[in-house]
Amino acid sequence: MWLDTHCHLDAPEFLSDIESIVKRAKHAGVAGILLPAVRAQDFEAVQEITHRFKHEIPYLVYTLGIHPLYTDRASESDLKTLETAVVSAKNDPHFVGIGEIGLDYFVAELDPHRQAFFFHAQLDLAEQHQLPVILHVRRSQDMILKALRQRTISGGIAHAFNGSFQQAQQFIDLGFKLGFGGAATYERALQIRRLIQELPIDAIVTETDSPDIPPAWLRSEQERRNEPAFLPRIAQVLAEIRGIQDKDFAAAVFDNTSRVLPRWGALLNKV
C-alpha cells in the first residue's frame, strides 16, 4: 500500500481529467492521498473531491489551510473562514489537520511580514484544536522551527524537505515527519539523497506534490505534469537510495503516516 502525503487534486491542471487521474492512482496501488487546501475559497472543493472519490481511493483525506504563496491575496476574514471550516470538519473522519501553511522565502516579491501573520495565526489555530500541520518550508526552515518552539503543536509533516541534516533533526525532535518525492529522483539532488540515506527511517514519508515537482523521467514539456499514479515509482527510487526493499519502505511510510497524522491513522488502521 502506497501513501501520497501531499497531492493537490484540486489544482486547475487536473480539472479536465480528474476521474482518470484518480483511476490511474488506484490502478498503480496508491491507497491513500492527502489533499491540502491552499486558499479559503478552495475549502469546499477539497472536501467535495475527497468525498466524491473516497470509494476509489479509500484513504483519501484532506487538510485546510492558507498557503504562504496566497497570503498576498488573502484577507483576515479568511482566517475566520478557516476556523469555522475546521470546527465543522472535525466531525469528518477524512479531515486530518491544518495545511498547507508555512513560509516561503524563495519568492522575493512575497511580503514576509504578511506571510508570518497568516502562518502564526494558523499555528495558533492548530494548537488550539490540537491538530497536526502540513508545512511549506521553502528556504524558511529556521524561522518555522522558531515559531513551532513557541507553541505546543501536535506534529505534522515538513513537506518537500530540502534543509540540512541538523534542521531535519530539529523537526524530528518536535514530532514531525519529513516528506520526500520527485526531487529525489534527480541524480544531482545530492543533499536530498543524503537525507534519505541518513535520517531515521521512522522520520520519512512519501509524496508527489502533484501536479508539481515532476520526477526525473518526465523530461518533455508535454509530460511535465506530475500525478499521484507516479508515487509508487518515485517511492521505489527512494527505497533504492535508502537501500531497503520496496515493501519494507512502504510499511515504514504507512506506520510513520499513521503516527504523525492520527486522524488519518484511524482510517488506515480501521478494521
C-alpha atoms as a PDB file:
ATOM      1  CA  MET A   1       0.000   0.000   0.000  1.00  0.00           C
ATOM      2  CA  TRP A   2       1.429   3.371  -1.066  1.00  0.00           C
ATOM      3  CA  LEU A   3       0.508   6.715   0.518  1.00  0.00           C
ATOM      4  CA  ASP A   4       0.870  10.105  -1.156  1.00  0.00           C
ATOM      5  CA  THR A   5       1.033  12.574   1.738  1.00  0.00           C
ATOM      6  CA  HIS A   6       0.867  15.679  -0.480  1.00  0.00           C
ATOM      7  CA  CYS A   7      -1.139  15.966  -3.696  1.00  0.00           C
ATOM      8  CA  HIS A   8      -3.179  18.935  -4.976  1.00  0.00           C
ATOM      9  CA  LEU A   9      -6.008  17.067  -6.692  1.00  0.00           C
ATOM     10  CA  ASP A  10      -7.990  20.314  -6.819  1.00  0.00           C
ATOM     11  CA  ALA A  11      -5.354  22.050  -8.980  1.00  0.00           C
ATOM     12  CA  PRO A  12      -6.537  23.533 -12.299  1.00  0.00           C
ATOM     13  CA  GLU A  13      -4.231  21.135 -14.157  1.00  0.00           C
ATOM     14  CA  PHE A  14      -6.416  18.227 -13.019  1.00  0.00           C
ATOM     15  CA  LEU A  15      -9.889  19.685 -13.590  1.00  0.00           C
ATOM     16  CA  SER A  16     -10.441  18.267 -17.067  1.00  0.00           C
ATOM     17  CA  ASP A  17      -9.497  14.654 -16.267  1.00  0.00           C
ATOM     18  CA  ILE A  18      -9.607  14.186 -12.506  1.00  0.00           C
ATOM     19  CA  GLU A  19     -11.543  10.935 -12.839  1.00  0.00           C
ATOM     20  CA  SER A  20      -8.738   9.457 -14.948  1.00  0.00           C
ATOM     21  CA  ILE A  21      -6.117  10.776 -12.531  1.00  0.00           C
ATOM     22  CA  VAL A  22      -7.813   9.013  -9.624  1.00  0.00           C
ATOM     23  CA  LYS A  23      -8.280   5.768 -11.558  1.00  0.00           C
ATOM     24  CA  ARG A  24      -4.624   5.678 -12.585  1.00  0.00           C
ATOM     25  CA  ALA A  25      -3.558   6.248  -8.989  1.00  0.00           C
ATOM     26  CA  LYS A  26      -5.790   3.422  -7.792  1.00  0.00           C
ATOM     27  CA  HIS A  27      -4.508   1.082 -10.527  1.00  0.00           C
ATOM     28  CA  ALA A  28      -0.908   1.939  -9.541  1.00  0.00           C
ATOM     29  CA  GLY A  29      -1.564   0.845  -5.959  1.00  0.00           C
ATOM     30  CA  VAL A  30      -1.968   4.240  -4.276  1.00  0.00           C
ATOM     31  CA  ALA A  31      -4.462   3.599  -1.490  1.00  0.00           C
ATOM     32  CA  GLY A  32      -4.193   6.938   0.306  1.00  0.00           C
ATOM     33  CA  ILE A  33      -3.783  10.560  -0.776  1.00  0.00           C
ATOM     34  CA  LEU A  34      -3.670  13.713   1.328  1.00  0.00           C
ATOM     35  CA  LEU A  35      -5.177  16.750  -0.374  1.00  0.00           C
ATOM     36  CA  PRO A  36      -4.081  20.031   1.282  1.00  0.00           C
ATOM     37  CA  ALA A  37      -6.099  23.189   0.680  1.00  0.00           C
ATOM     38  CA  VAL A  38      -4.192  26.363  -0.210  1.00  0.00           C
ATOM     39  CA  ARG A  39      -6.892  29.087  -0.186  1.00  0.00           C
ATOM     40  CA  ALA A  40     -10.080  29.743   1.759  1.00  0.00           C
ATOM     41  CA  GLN A  41     -12.123  29.629  -1.445  1.00  0.00           C
ATOM     42  CA  ASP A  42     -10.880  26.076  -2.023  1.00  0.00           C
ATOM     43  CA  PHE A  43     -12.053  24.576   1.273  1.00  0.00           C
ATOM     44  CA  GLU A  44     -15.346  23.266  -0.088  1.00  0.00           C
ATOM     45  CA  ALA A  45     -13.641  21.941  -3.224  1.00  0.00           C
ATOM     46  CA  VAL A  46     -11.103  19.793  -1.364  1.00  0.00           C
ATOM     47  CA  GLN A  47     -13.871  18.408   0.829  1.00  0.00           C
ATOM     48  CA  GLU A  48     -16.060  17.661  -2.183  1.00  0.00           C
ATOM     49  CA  ILE A  49     -13.248  15.951  -4.112  1.00  0.00           C
ATOM     50  CA  THR A  50     -12.331  13.853  -1.081  1.00  0.00           C
ATOM     51  CA  HIS A  51     -15.835  12.561  -0.595  1.00  0.00           C
ATOM     52  CA  ARG A  52     -16.510  12.110  -4.316  1.00  0.00           C
ATOM     53  CA  PHE A  53     -13.507   9.813  -4.768  1.00  0.00           C
ATOM     54  CA  LYS A  54     -13.111   8.153  -1.358  1.00  0.00           C
ATOM     55  CA  HIS A  55     -14.687   4.982  -2.767  1.00  0.00           C
ATOM     56  CA  GLU A  56     -11.928   4.806  -5.412  1.00  0.00           C
ATOM     57  CA  ILE A  57      -9.124   5.815  -3.030  1.00  0.00           C
ATOM     58  CA  PRO A  58     -10.365   4.580   0.361  1.00  0.00           C
ATOM     59  CA  TYR A  59      -7.861   6.559   2.398  1.00  0.00           C
ATOM     60  CA  LEU A  60      -8.312   9.892   0.619  1.00  0.00           C
ATOM     61  CA  VAL A  61      -8.090  12.703   3.181  1.00  0.00           C
ATOM     62  CA  TYR A  62      -7.719  16.487   3.305  1.00  0.00           C
ATOM     63  CA  THR A  63      -6.369  19.371   5.352  1.00  0.00           C
ATOM     64  CA  LEU A  64      -7.496  23.002   5.473  1.00  0.00           C
ATOM     65  CA  GLY A  65      -5.170  25.986   5.378  1.00  0.00           C
ATOM     66  CA  ILE A  66      -3.873  29.087   3.607  1.00  0.00           C
ATOM     67  CA  HIS A  67      -0.623  28.598   1.674  1.00  0.00           C
ATOM     68  CA  PRO A  68       2.093  31.269   2.011  1.00  0.00           C
ATOM     69  CA  LEU A  69       2.075  31.867  -1.755  1.00  0.00           C
ATOM     70  CA  TYR A  70      -1.565  33.006  -1.475  1.00  0.00           C
ATOM     71  CA  THR A  71      -1.197  35.297   1.526  1.00  0.00           C
ATOM     72  CA  ASP A  72      -0.892  38.368  -0.709  1.00  0.00           C
ATOM     73  CA  ARG A  73      -4.454  37.711  -1.878  1.00  0.00           C
ATOM     74  CA  ALA A  74      -5.856  36.505   1.446  1.00  0.00           C
ATOM     75  CA  SER A  75      -7.786  38.644   3.921  1.00  0.00           C
ATOM     76  CA  GLU A  76      -8.042  38.459   7.687  1.00  0.00           C
ATOM     77  CA  SER A  77     -11.618  37.247   7.255  1.00  0.00           C
ATOM     78  CA  ASP A  78     -10.193  34.136   5.573  1.00  0.00           C
ATOM     79  CA  LEU A  79      -8.785  33.146   8.956  1.00  0.00           C
ATOM     80  CA  LYS A  80     -12.271  33.229  10.417  1.00  0.00           C
ATOM     81  CA  THR A  81     -13.483  31.181   7.471  1.00  0.00           C
ATOM     82  CA  LEU A  82     -10.722  28.675   8.203  1.00  0.00           C
ATOM     83  CA  GLU A  83     -11.608  28.457  11.875  1.00  0.00           C
ATOM     84  CA  THR A  84     -15.285  27.870  11.066  1.00  0.00           C
ATOM     85  CA  ALA A  85     -14.380  25.221   8.485  1.00  0.00           C
ATOM     86  CA  VAL A  86     -12.024  23.439  10.901  1.00  0.00           C
ATOM     87  CA  VAL A  87     -14.622  23.307  13.677  1.00  0.00           C
ATOM     88  CA  SER A  88     -17.150  21.853  11.243  1.00  0.00           C
ATOM     89  CA  ALA A  89     -14.672  19.416   9.668  1.00  0.00           C
ATOM     90  CA  LYS A  90     -13.634  17.864  12.971  1.00  0.00           C
ATOM     91  CA  ASN A  91     -16.731  15.668  12.662  1.00  0.00           C
ATOM     92  CA  ASP A  92     -15.436  14.382   9.315  1.00  0.00           C
ATOM     93  CA  PRO A  93     -13.068  11.376   9.655  1.00  0.00           C
ATOM     94  CA  HIS A  94     -11.418  12.354   6.348  1.00  0.00           C
ATOM     95  CA  PHE A  95     -10.238  15.701   7.764  1.00  0.00           C
ATOM     96  CA  VAL A  96      -6.762  15.227   9.248  1.00  0.00           C
ATOM     97  CA  GLY A  97      -5.198  18.605  10.070  1.00  0.00           C
ATOM     98  CA  ILE A  98      -4.214  22.169   9.148  1.00  0.00           C
ATOM     99  CA  GLY A  99      -2.355  22.863   5.914  1.00  0.00           C
ATOM    100  CA  GLU A 100      -0.764  23.727   3.673  1.00  0.00           C
ATOM    101  CA  ILE A 101       0.739  26.521   5.763  1.00  0.00           C
ATOM    102  CA  GLY A 102       4.221  27.907   6.230  1.00  0.00           C
ATOM    103  CA  LEU A 103       6.731  30.462   4.994  1.00  0.00           C
ATOM    104  CA  ASP A 104       8.309  30.861   1.543  1.00  0.00           C
ATOM    105  CA  TYR A 105      11.469  32.968   1.277  1.00  0.00           C
ATOM    106  CA  PHE A 106      12.250  31.832  -2.276  1.00  0.00           C
ATOM    107  CA  VAL A 107       9.640  34.086  -3.955  1.00  0.00           C
ATOM    108  CA  ALA A 108      11.156  37.530  -3.421  1.00  0.00           C
ATOM    109  CA  GLU A 109       8.016  39.583  -4.042  1.00  0.00           C
ATOM    110  CA  LEU A 110       6.059  37.966  -1.208  1.00  0.00           C
ATOM    111  CA  ASP A 111       5.737  40.151   1.902  1.00  0.00           C
ATOM    112  CA  PRO A 112       7.467  38.211   4.719  1.00  0.00           C
ATOM    113  CA  HIS A 113       5.514  40.053   7.406  1.00  0.00           C
ATOM    114  CA  ARG A 114       2.178  39.190   5.803  1.00  0.00           C
ATOM    115  CA  GLN A 115       3.266  35.583   5.425  1.00  0.00           C
ATOM    116  CA  ALA A 116       4.240  35.494   9.092  1.00  0.00           C
ATOM    117  CA  PHE A 117       0.893  36.961  10.175  1.00  0.00           C
ATOM    118  CA  PHE A 118      -1.088  34.197   8.464  1.00  0.00           C
ATOM    119  CA  PHE A 119       1.366  31.475   9.454  1.00  0.00           C
ATOM    120  CA  HIS A 120       1.335  32.326  13.143  1.00  0.00           C
ATOM    121  CA  ALA A 121      -2.451  32.674  13.201  1.00  0.00           C
ATOM    122  CA  GLN A 122      -2.825  29.216  11.657  1.00  0.00           C
ATOM    123  CA  LEU A 123      -0.321  27.682  14.043  1.00  0.00           C
ATOM    124  CA  ASP A 124      -2.352  29.144  16.903  1.00  0.00           C
ATOM    125  CA  LEU A 125      -5.471  27.522  15.456  1.00  0.00           C
ATOM    126  CA  ALA A 126      -3.689  24.179  15.152  1.00  0.00           C
ATOM    127  CA  GLU A 127      -2.513  24.445  18.745  1.00  0.00           C
ATOM    128  CA  GLN A 128      -5.983  25.381  19.965  1.00  0.00           C
ATOM    129  CA  HIS A 129      -7.549  22.319  18.323  1.00  0.00           C
ATOM    130  CA  GLN A 130      -4.515  20.054  18.821  1.00  0.00           C
ATOM    131  CA  LEU A 131      -4.255  19.263  15.124  1.00  0.00           C
ATOM    132  CA  PRO A 132      -1.098  18.396  13.173  1.00  0.00           C
ATOM    133  CA  VAL A 133       0.100  20.726  10.420  1.00  0.00           C
ATOM    134  CA  ILE A 134       1.328  20.295   6.854  1.00  0.00           C
ATOM    135  CA  LEU A 135       4.229  22.700   6.429  1.00  0.00           C
ATOM    136  CA  HIS A 136       5.628  24.543   3.412  1.00  0.00           C
ATOM    137  CA  VAL A 137       9.266  25.208   4.341  1.00  0.00           C
ATOM    138  CA  ARG A 138      10.995  26.674   1.285  1.00  0.00           C
ATOM    139  CA  ARG A 139      14.167  28.449   2.457  1.00  0.00           C
ATOM    140  CA  SER A 140      12.445  29.122   5.785  1.00  0.00           C
ATOM    141  CA  GLN A 141      13.375  26.184   7.992  1.00  0.00           C
ATOM    142  CA  ASP A 142      14.885  28.171  10.853  1.00  0.00           C
ATOM    143  CA  MET A 143      12.040  30.682  11.128  1.00  0.00           C
ATOM    144  CA  ILE A 144       9.463  27.889  11.057  1.00  0.00           C
ATOM    145  CA  LEU A 145      11.337  25.954  13.726  1.00  0.00           C
ATOM    146  CA  LYS A 146      11.407  29.083  15.885  1.00  0.00           C
ATOM    147  CA  ALA A 147       7.634  29.503  15.524  1.00  0.00           C
ATOM    148  CA  LEU A 148       6.998  25.840  16.334  1.00  0.00           C
ATOM    149  CA  ARG A 149       9.078  26.028  19.512  1.00  0.00           C
ATOM    150  CA  GLN A 150       6.856  28.852  20.763  1.00  0.00           C
ATOM    151  CA  ARG A 151       3.828  26.548  20.776  1.00  0.00           C
ATOM    152  CA  THR A 152       2.704  23.044  21.587  1.00  0.00           C
ATOM    153  CA  ILE A 153       1.920  21.703  18.113  1.00  0.00           C
ATOM    154  CA  SER A 154       0.944  18.062  17.760  1.00  0.00           C
ATOM    155  CA  GLY A 155       3.446  17.321  14.991  1.00  0.00           C
ATOM    156  CA  GLY A 156       2.859  17.084  11.277  1.00  0.00           C
ATOM    157  CA  ILE A 157       4.825  16.901   8.028  1.00  0.00           C
ATOM    158  CA  ALA A 158       7.504  19.249   6.688  1.00  0.00           C
ATOM    159  CA  HIS A 159       6.661  18.701   3.045  1.00  0.00           C
ATOM    160  CA  ALA A 160       9.230  18.636   0.195  1.00  0.00           C
ATOM    161  CA  PHE A 161      12.004  18.879   2.744  1.00  0.00           C
ATOM    162  CA  ASN A 162      15.333  20.221   1.486  1.00  0.00           C
ATOM    163  CA  GLY A 163      17.099  21.559   4.572  1.00  0.00           C
ATOM    164  CA  SER A 164      20.204  20.452   6.391  1.00  0.00           C
ATOM    165  CA  PHE A 165      20.554  17.310   8.477  1.00  0.00           C
ATOM    166  CA  GLN A 166      20.646  19.468  11.611  1.00  0.00           C
ATOM    167  CA  GLN A 167      17.415  21.226  10.645  1.00  0.00           C
ATOM    168  CA  ALA A 168      15.838  17.889   9.822  1.00  0.00           C
ATOM    169  CA  GLN A 169      16.725  16.571  13.248  1.00  0.00           C
ATOM    170  CA  GLN A 170      15.140  19.614  14.875  1.00  0.00           C
ATOM    171  CA  PHE A 171      11.872  18.986  13.042  1.00  0.00           C
ATOM    172  CA  ILE A 172      12.011  15.339  14.083  1.00  0.00           C
ATOM    173  CA  ASP A 173      12.607  16.334  17.698  1.00  0.00           C
ATOM    174  CA  LEU A 174       9.419  18.430  17.519  1.00  0.00           C
ATOM    175  CA  GLY A 175       7.379  15.422  16.376  1.00  0.00           C
ATOM    176  CA  PHE A 176       7.452  15.984  12.622  1.00  0.00           C
ATOM    177  CA  LYS A 177       7.984  13.668   9.681  1.00  0.00           C
ATOM    178  CA  LEU A 178       9.739  14.826   6.507  1.00  0.00           C
ATOM    179  CA  GLY A 179       8.176  14.488   3.061  1.00  0.00           C
ATOM    180  CA  PHE A 180      10.237  13.368   0.066  1.00  0.00           C
ATOM    181  CA  GLY A 181       9.136  12.911  -3.538  1.00  0.00           C
ATOM    182  CA  GLY A 182      10.095  13.533  -7.136  1.00  0.00           C
ATOM    183  CA  ALA A 183      13.041  15.830  -6.396  1.00  0.00           C
ATOM    184  CA  ALA A 184      14.967  12.827  -5.053  1.00  0.00           C
ATOM    185  CA  THR A 185      14.735  11.063  -8.437  1.00  0.00           C
ATOM    186  CA  TYR A 186      17.284  13.511  -9.894  1.00  0.00           C
ATOM    187  CA  GLU A 187      20.839  12.250  -9.509  1.00  0.00           C
ATOM    188  CA  ARG A 188      22.103  15.788  -8.868  1.00  0.00           C
ATOM    189  CA  ALA A 189      19.841  16.127  -5.785  1.00  0.00           C
ATOM    190  CA  LEU A 190      22.744  15.105  -3.555  1.00  0.00           C
ATOM    191  CA  GLN A 191      21.578  16.762  -0.335  1.00  0.00           C
ATOM    192  CA  ILE A 192      18.077  15.259  -0.534  1.00  0.00           C
ATOM    193  CA  ARG A 193      19.524  11.840  -1.285  1.00  0.00           C
ATOM    194  CA  ARG A 194      21.888  12.081   1.677  1.00  0.00           C
ATOM    195  CA  LEU A 195      18.956  12.899   3.932  1.00  0.00           C
ATOM    196  CA  ILE A 196      17.036   9.867   2.685  1.00  0.00           C
ATOM    197  CA  GLN A 197      20.070   7.668   3.347  1.00  0.00           C
ATOM    198  CA  GLU A 198      20.978   9.048   6.772  1.00  0.00           C
ATOM    199  CA  LEU A 199      17.749  10.065   8.500  1.00  0.00           C
ATOM    200  CA  PRO A 200      15.960   7.586  10.760  1.00  0.00           C
ATOM    201  CA  ILE A 201      13.576   5.523   8.661  1.00  0.00           C
ATOM    202  CA  ASP A 202      10.753   6.448  11.036  1.00  0.00           C
ATOM    203  CA  ALA A 203      11.130  10.121  10.016  1.00  0.00           C
ATOM    204  CA  ILE A 204      10.298   9.697   6.309  1.00  0.00           C
ATOM    205  CA  VAL A 205       7.015   9.876   4.385  1.00  0.00           C
ATOM    206  CA  THR A 206       6.380   9.867   0.637  1.00  0.00           C
ATOM    207  CA  GLU A 207       4.647  12.466  -1.524  1.00  0.00           C
ATOM    208  CA  THR A 208       4.274  13.693  -5.098  1.00  0.00           C
ATOM    209  CA  ASP A 209       3.178  17.348  -4.633  1.00  0.00           C
ATOM    210  CA  SER A 210       1.224  16.775  -7.842  1.00  0.00           C
ATOM    211  CA  PRO A 211       0.918  18.463 -10.248  1.00  0.00           C
ATOM    212  CA  ASP A 212       4.279  19.986  -9.250  1.00  0.00           C
ATOM    213  CA  ILE A 213       7.795  18.564  -8.663  1.00  0.00           C
ATOM    214  CA  PRO A 214       7.734  16.091 -11.575  1.00  0.00           C
ATOM    215  CA  PRO A 215      10.126  13.126 -11.323  1.00  0.00           C
ATOM    216  CA  ALA A 216      13.232  12.889 -13.468  1.00  0.00           C
ATOM    217  CA  TRP A 217      11.670  10.700 -16.139  1.00  0.00           C
ATOM    218  CA  LEU A 218       9.172  13.424 -17.156  1.00  0.00           C
ATOM    219  CA  ARG A 219      11.559  15.345 -19.351  1.00  0.00           C
ATOM    220  CA  SER A 220       9.490  16.953 -22.114  1.00  0.00           C
ATOM    221  CA  GLU A 221       7.235  19.970 -21.633  1.00  0.00           C
ATOM    222  CA  GLN A 222       4.266  17.828 -22.685  1.00  0.00           C
ATOM    223  CA  GLU A 223       4.998  15.381 -19.870  1.00  0.00           C
ATOM    224  CA  ARG A 224       5.797  17.774 -17.018  1.00  0.00           C
ATOM    225  CA  ARG A 225       2.534  17.319 -15.114  1.00  0.00           C
ATOM    226  CA  ASN A 226       3.105  15.158 -12.070  1.00  0.00           C
ATOM    227  CA  GLU A 227       0.310  12.939 -10.745  1.00  0.00           C
ATOM    228  CA  PRO A 228      -0.272  10.541  -7.829  1.00  0.00           C
ATOM    229  CA  ALA A 229      -0.010   7.443 -10.047  1.00  0.00           C
ATOM    230  CA  PHE A 230       3.742   8.134 -10.205  1.00  0.00           C
ATOM    231  CA  LEU A 231       4.099   7.767  -6.425  1.00  0.00           C
ATOM    232  CA  PRO A 232       5.000   4.040  -6.413  1.00  0.00           C
ATOM    233  CA  ARG A 233       7.818   4.544  -8.942  1.00  0.00           C
ATOM    234  CA  ILE A 234       9.069   7.596  -7.013  1.00  0.00           C
ATOM    235  CA  ALA A 235       8.940   5.607  -3.775  1.00  0.00           C
ATOM    236  CA  GLN A 236      10.881   2.773  -5.366  1.00  0.00           C
ATOM    237  CA  VAL A 237      13.690   5.221  -6.169  1.00  0.00           C
ATOM    238  CA  LEU A 238      13.625   6.442  -2.559  1.00  0.00           C
ATOM    239  CA  ALA A 239      13.808   2.838  -1.332  1.00  0.00           C
ATOM    240  CA  GLU A 240      16.794   2.173  -3.607  1.00  0.00           C
ATOM    241  CA  ILE A 241      18.561   5.270  -2.269  1.00  0.00           C
ATOM    242  CA  ARG A 242      17.820   4.057   1.236  1.00  0.00           C
ATOM    243  CA  GLY A 243      18.974   0.552   0.393  1.00  0.00           C
ATOM    244  CA  ILE A 244      15.836  -1.299   1.521  1.00  0.00           C
ATOM    245  CA  GLN A 245      13.132  -3.364  -0.132  1.00  0.00           C
ATOM    246  CA  ASP A 246      10.069  -1.603  -1.536  1.00  0.00           C
ATOM    247  CA  LYS A 247       7.718  -3.491   0.773  1.00  0.00           C
ATOM    248  CA  ASP A 248       9.739  -2.557   3.849  1.00  0.00           C
ATOM    249  CA  PHE A 249       9.813   1.078   2.799  1.00  0.00           C
ATOM    250  CA  ALA A 250       6.054   1.093   2.147  1.00  0.00           C
ATOM    251  CA  ALA A 251       5.429  -0.449   5.574  1.00  0.00           C
ATOM    252  CA  ALA A 252       7.605   2.187   7.257  1.00  0.00           C
ATOM    253  CA  VAL A 253       5.817   5.029   5.464  1.00  0.00           C
ATOM    254  CA  PHE A 254       2.455   3.553   6.469  1.00  0.00           C
ATOM    255  CA  ASP A 255       3.479   3.418  10.131  1.00  0.00           C
ATOM    256  CA  ASN A 256       5.042   6.896  10.053  1.00  0.00           C
ATOM    257  CA  THR A 257       1.980   8.456   8.452  1.00  0.00           C
ATOM    258  CA  SER A 258      -0.379   6.718  10.857  1.00  0.00           C
ATOM    259  CA  ARG A 259       1.530   8.049  13.851  1.00  0.00           C
ATOM    260  CA  VAL A 260       2.094  11.616  12.744  1.00  0.00           C
ATOM    261  CA  LEU A 261      -1.448  12.187  11.433  1.00  0.00           C
ATOM    262  CA  PRO A 262      -3.602  10.317  13.974  1.00  0.00           C
ATOM    263  CA  ARG A 263      -6.920  11.028  12.286  1.00  0.00           C
ATOM    264  CA  TRP A 264      -5.569   9.530   9.044  1.00  0.00           C
ATOM    265  CA  GLY A 265      -4.119   6.686  11.089  1.00  0.00           C
ATOM    266  CA  ALA A 266      -7.579   5.921  12.456  1.00  0.00           C
ATOM    267  CA  LEU A 267      -8.779   5.438   8.869  1.00  0.00           C
ATOM    268  CA  LEU A 268      -5.714   3.492   7.769  1.00  0.00           C
ATOM    269  CA  ASN A 269      -5.959   1.072  10.671  1.00  0.00           C
ATOM    270  CA  LYS A 270      -9.719   0.744  10.647  1.00  0.00           C
ATOM    271  CA  VAL A 271     -10.731  -2.923  10.554  1.00  0.00           C
END
